Protein backbone atom coordinates (compact mmCIF):
# COMPACT_ATOMS: atom_id res chain seq x y z
CA MET A 1 2.74 20.65 -7.26
CA ILE A 2 0.83 18.12 -9.39
CA LYS A 3 -2.55 19.32 -10.62
CA ILE A 4 -5.48 16.96 -10.03
CA THR A 5 -8.97 17.52 -11.44
CA HIS A 6 -12.24 15.60 -11.48
CA LYS A 7 -11.19 14.08 -14.84
CA PHE A 8 -8.42 11.65 -15.67
CA GLU A 9 -6.71 10.86 -18.95
CA THR A 10 -5.95 7.40 -20.31
CA ILE A 11 -2.69 6.60 -22.06
CA ASP A 12 -4.35 7.14 -25.45
CA GLY A 13 -5.53 10.62 -24.50
CA GLN A 14 -9.19 9.95 -23.66
CA GLU A 15 -10.75 11.80 -20.76
CA PHE A 16 -13.16 10.33 -18.23
CA GLU A 17 -14.71 11.31 -14.91
CA ARG A 18 -12.88 10.19 -11.81
CA ALA A 19 -14.57 7.70 -9.50
CA ASP A 20 -16.71 6.20 -12.24
CA SER A 21 -16.60 2.63 -13.59
CA LYS A 22 -13.95 3.45 -16.24
CA ASP A 23 -11.72 4.90 -13.54
CA PHE A 24 -12.03 1.74 -11.44
CA GLU A 25 -11.44 -0.59 -14.41
CA THR A 26 -8.25 1.13 -15.64
CA LEU A 27 -6.86 2.20 -12.26
CA PRO A 28 -4.30 -0.59 -11.66
CA ASN A 29 -2.50 -0.09 -14.96
CA ARG A 30 -2.51 3.64 -15.69
CA PHE A 31 0.51 4.71 -13.64
CA LEU A 32 2.55 1.76 -15.00
CA GLN A 33 1.58 2.70 -18.57
CA ARG A 34 2.76 6.26 -17.95
CA ILE A 35 6.06 4.97 -16.56
CA GLU A 36 6.59 2.71 -19.58
CA LYS A 37 5.85 5.63 -21.90
CA GLU A 38 8.32 7.85 -20.03
CA LEU A 39 11.07 5.23 -20.20
CA GLY A 40 10.64 4.55 -23.91
CA SER A 41 12.97 1.86 -25.29
CA ASN A 42 15.33 1.92 -22.28
CA LYS A 43 12.95 0.25 -19.97
CA GLN A 44 13.50 -3.46 -19.31
CA ASN A 45 16.19 -3.32 -16.62
CA ILE A 46 14.59 -0.43 -14.77
CA LEU A 47 11.14 -2.06 -15.02
CA ASP A 48 12.53 -5.22 -13.42
CA SER A 49 13.93 -3.17 -10.54
CA LEU A 50 10.67 -1.24 -10.25
CA GLU A 51 8.59 -4.42 -10.23
CA ASP A 52 10.74 -5.75 -7.40
CA GLY A 53 10.11 -2.57 -5.44
CA LEU A 54 6.37 -2.62 -6.03
CA ASN A 55 6.14 -6.26 -4.96
CA LYS A 56 8.07 -5.55 -1.78
CA TYR A 57 5.84 -2.53 -1.11
CA ASN A 58 2.69 -4.63 -1.41
CA GLN A 59 4.20 -7.15 1.01
CA GLY A 60 4.86 -4.43 3.58
CA GLU A 61 8.65 -4.63 3.19
CA TYR A 62 8.96 -0.84 3.28
CA GLU A 63 12.74 -0.59 3.81
CA ASP A 64 13.56 -2.80 0.83
CA ALA A 65 10.89 -1.14 -1.34
CA LEU A 66 12.32 2.29 -0.53
CA LYS A 67 15.80 1.24 -1.64
CA CYS A 68 14.37 0.02 -4.97
CA PHE A 69 12.36 3.21 -5.53
CA ASN A 70 15.34 5.43 -4.70
CA ASN A 71 17.56 3.47 -7.09
CA VAL A 72 14.96 3.86 -9.85
CA THR A 73 14.53 7.60 -9.32
CA ASP A 74 18.29 8.13 -9.07
CA THR A 75 18.59 6.63 -12.55
CA TYR A 76 15.41 8.21 -13.95
CA PRO A 77 14.57 11.37 -11.94
CA SER A 78 11.51 11.99 -14.12
CA LEU A 79 9.78 9.01 -12.47
CA ILE A 80 9.72 10.72 -9.07
CA ILE A 81 6.25 12.12 -9.91
CA GLU A 82 4.77 8.63 -10.14
CA LEU A 83 6.74 7.06 -7.32
CA GLU A 84 6.62 9.86 -4.77
CA PRO A 85 3.40 8.62 -3.11
CA PHE A 86 5.05 5.25 -2.39
CA ILE A 87 8.31 6.88 -1.30
CA ASP A 88 6.49 9.20 1.11
CA ILE A 89 4.65 6.28 2.70
CA CYS A 90 7.81 4.21 2.97
CA ASN A 91 9.68 7.09 4.64
CA ARG A 92 6.86 7.61 7.11
CA VAL A 93 6.74 3.93 8.11
CA VAL A 94 10.49 3.48 8.26
CA LYS A 95 10.86 6.49 10.58
CA THR A 96 8.19 5.20 12.96
CA ILE A 97 9.56 4.02 16.30
CA LYS A 98 8.46 0.42 16.80
CA SER A 99 6.40 -0.42 19.87
CA GLY A 100 7.11 -3.33 22.21
CA LYS A 101 4.39 -5.35 20.47
CA ASP A 102 5.91 -4.56 17.05
CA LEU A 103 9.28 -5.91 18.20
CA LEU A 104 7.70 -9.03 19.70
CA TYR A 105 5.92 -9.74 16.44
CA GLU A 106 9.15 -9.36 14.41
CA ALA A 107 10.91 -11.75 16.79
CA TYR A 108 7.99 -14.18 16.38
CA LYS A 109 8.30 -13.96 12.57
CA LYS A 110 11.99 -14.84 12.73
CA ASP A 111 11.27 -17.78 15.01
CA MET A 112 8.53 -18.98 12.67
CA MET A 113 10.85 -18.79 9.67
CA LYS A 114 13.33 -20.94 11.57
CA TRP A 115 10.56 -23.37 12.52
CA HIS A 116 9.34 -23.70 8.91
CA SER A 117 12.88 -24.46 7.78
CA ARG A 118 12.91 -27.59 9.96
CA SER A 119 12.19 -30.99 8.49
CA PHE A 120 8.76 -32.60 8.71
CA LEU A 121 10.02 -35.24 11.14
CA TYR A 122 11.65 -32.65 13.41
CA LYS A 123 8.42 -30.68 13.60
CA LEU A 124 6.45 -33.86 14.18
CA PHE A 125 8.50 -34.88 17.25
CA HIS A 126 9.14 -31.36 18.58
CA ARG A 127 5.72 -29.78 18.29
CA LYS A 128 6.09 -28.05 21.64
CA GLU A 129 8.94 -26.01 20.20
CA LYS A 130 6.65 -24.30 17.68
CA PRO A 131 6.75 -20.54 18.40
CA ILE A 132 3.67 -18.99 20.00
CA PHE A 133 2.87 -15.30 19.66
CA GLN A 134 2.86 -13.84 23.18
CA PHE A 135 -0.26 -11.78 22.58
CA GLY A 136 -2.39 -14.81 21.74
CA LEU A 137 -3.55 -16.24 18.41
CA LEU A 138 -2.97 -14.12 15.33
CA GLU A 139 -6.08 -13.31 13.27
CA SER A 140 -3.94 -13.20 10.14
CA VAL A 141 -0.53 -12.15 8.92
CA LEU A 142 0.29 -8.71 10.26
CA VAL A 143 1.58 -5.81 8.18
CA ARG A 144 2.82 -2.37 9.20
CA CYS A 145 0.08 0.22 8.71
CA LYS A 146 1.01 2.69 5.98
CA TYR A 147 -0.30 5.54 8.16
CA CYS A 148 0.93 4.93 11.72
CA GLY A 149 3.71 2.43 10.93
CA HIS A 150 2.68 -0.19 13.52
CA TYR A 151 1.72 -3.80 12.90
CA THR A 152 -1.95 -4.50 12.34
CA SER A 153 -4.08 -7.34 10.92
CA TYR A 154 -3.62 -7.59 7.18
CA LYS A 155 -6.67 -7.48 4.92
CA HIS A 156 -6.42 -6.95 1.19
CA PRO A 157 -7.84 -3.53 0.18
CA TYR A 158 -10.28 -5.16 -2.26
CA ASP A 159 -11.80 -7.23 0.56
CA GLY A 160 -13.76 -4.19 1.61
CA PHE A 161 -15.66 -4.19 -1.66
CA GLU A 162 -16.41 -7.92 -1.36
CA CYS A 163 -17.63 -7.62 2.23
CA MET A 164 -19.63 -4.41 2.16
CA HIS A 165 -22.76 -6.20 3.38
CA LYS A 166 -20.90 -7.98 6.16
CA VAL A 167 -20.45 -5.09 8.53
CA LYS A 168 -17.98 -6.79 10.86
CA SER A 169 -15.69 -7.86 8.00
CA PHE A 170 -15.95 -4.52 6.26
CA LEU A 171 -15.12 -2.46 9.32
CA SER A 172 -12.24 -4.74 10.24
CA ASN A 173 -10.36 -3.51 7.16
CA SER A 174 -8.90 -0.72 9.32
CA CYS A 175 -5.74 -0.38 11.37
CA LYS A 176 -6.22 -1.73 14.91
CA ILE A 177 -3.90 1.00 16.21
CA CYS A 178 -4.78 4.28 14.42
CA GLU A 179 -8.16 3.07 13.04
CA ARG A 180 -7.58 4.49 9.56
CA SER A 181 -9.29 2.64 6.72
CA TYR A 182 -7.48 0.46 4.18
CA SER A 183 -4.20 0.65 6.10
CA ALA A 184 -2.39 -2.12 4.17
CA PRO A 185 0.00 -0.98 1.42
CA SER A 186 -1.40 -1.25 -2.09
CA THR A 187 0.21 -0.07 -5.29
CA ASP A 188 -3.26 0.12 -6.87
CA TRP A 189 -4.67 2.54 -4.33
CA ASP A 190 -1.60 4.39 -3.09
CA ASN A 191 -0.54 5.80 -6.46
CA ILE A 192 -1.78 9.25 -7.54
CA ASP A 193 -4.81 7.96 -9.42
CA GLY A 194 -5.79 5.57 -6.66
CA GLN A 195 -5.74 8.35 -4.08
CA ALA A 196 -7.70 10.62 -6.43
CA TYR A 197 -10.34 7.90 -6.88
CA ILE A 198 -10.73 7.65 -3.09
CA TYR A 199 -10.88 11.46 -2.82
CA TYR A 200 -13.55 12.05 -5.46
CA ARG A 201 -15.59 9.01 -4.51
CA HIS A 202 -15.33 9.92 -0.84
CA SER A 203 -14.47 6.29 -0.06
CA VAL A 204 -13.12 6.78 3.46
CA SER A 205 -14.63 8.54 6.43
CA GLU A 206 -11.46 10.04 7.93
CA GLU A 207 -11.22 13.76 7.14
CA VAL A 208 -7.44 13.61 7.62
CA PHE A 209 -7.15 11.75 4.26
CA TYR A 210 -8.84 14.63 2.41
CA ASP A 211 -6.83 17.25 4.25
CA GLU A 212 -3.57 15.50 3.36
CA PHE A 213 -4.60 15.07 -0.26
CA GLU A 214 -5.56 18.72 -0.67
CA LYS A 215 -2.27 19.87 0.85
CA LYS A 216 -0.22 17.63 -1.41
CA TYR A 217 -1.93 18.20 -4.77
CA ASN A 218 -3.13 21.25 -6.69
CA LEU A 219 -6.88 20.66 -7.14
CA PRO A 220 -10.21 22.42 -6.82
CA LYS A 221 -11.55 21.58 -3.39
CA ILE A 222 -14.66 19.84 -4.61
CA MET A 223 -15.70 16.77 -2.67
CA ALA A 224 -17.46 13.90 -4.38
CA LEU A 225 -20.23 14.10 -1.77
CA GLN A 226 -21.25 17.45 -0.28
């Protein structure tokens, strides 16, 4: 079990408090820096494969991302520590039984891809053929929630920080099905350090996040806010 404390260490060995400004500034790069250090000189091919997996993960393509992550860890088992948070989420989503609305949305996406492949003139003279989502207008592109596995409105995790004073926008950054906050996949926030930042800063209101985190990692049960 990985030990997590209220301090984190940068790649050059410096220690800082979690959930402070230094943590936020360095968060996106730290787990990649540790991976590069672990790989040493034999890194380019595996990094290309890993980058492909991380991109697919951020796009909500969980099945393809999982294949990439498994290929990487099969070649370099030592990387499982860093990639396990993503692998766990992918497995959870992939195993989720899709609802009727999920299947309708996937059919709609396929129809839209076919529509976009048509020529400009075809679309101009056959506008009535443009696919329409049966549940009405889409607010945005949908992505499968990393918690419940069902499609929900996509909103970039950082949008919450930009919209904190716009209550409606801020609160909408939650899954419409399970209502958990920041439900879109994000390699920045779903890695070990990202989850630890959320834990120590007490960034989400759902107690289930803290319960899951404490069960998964070896850490003193000290909350950022008592």
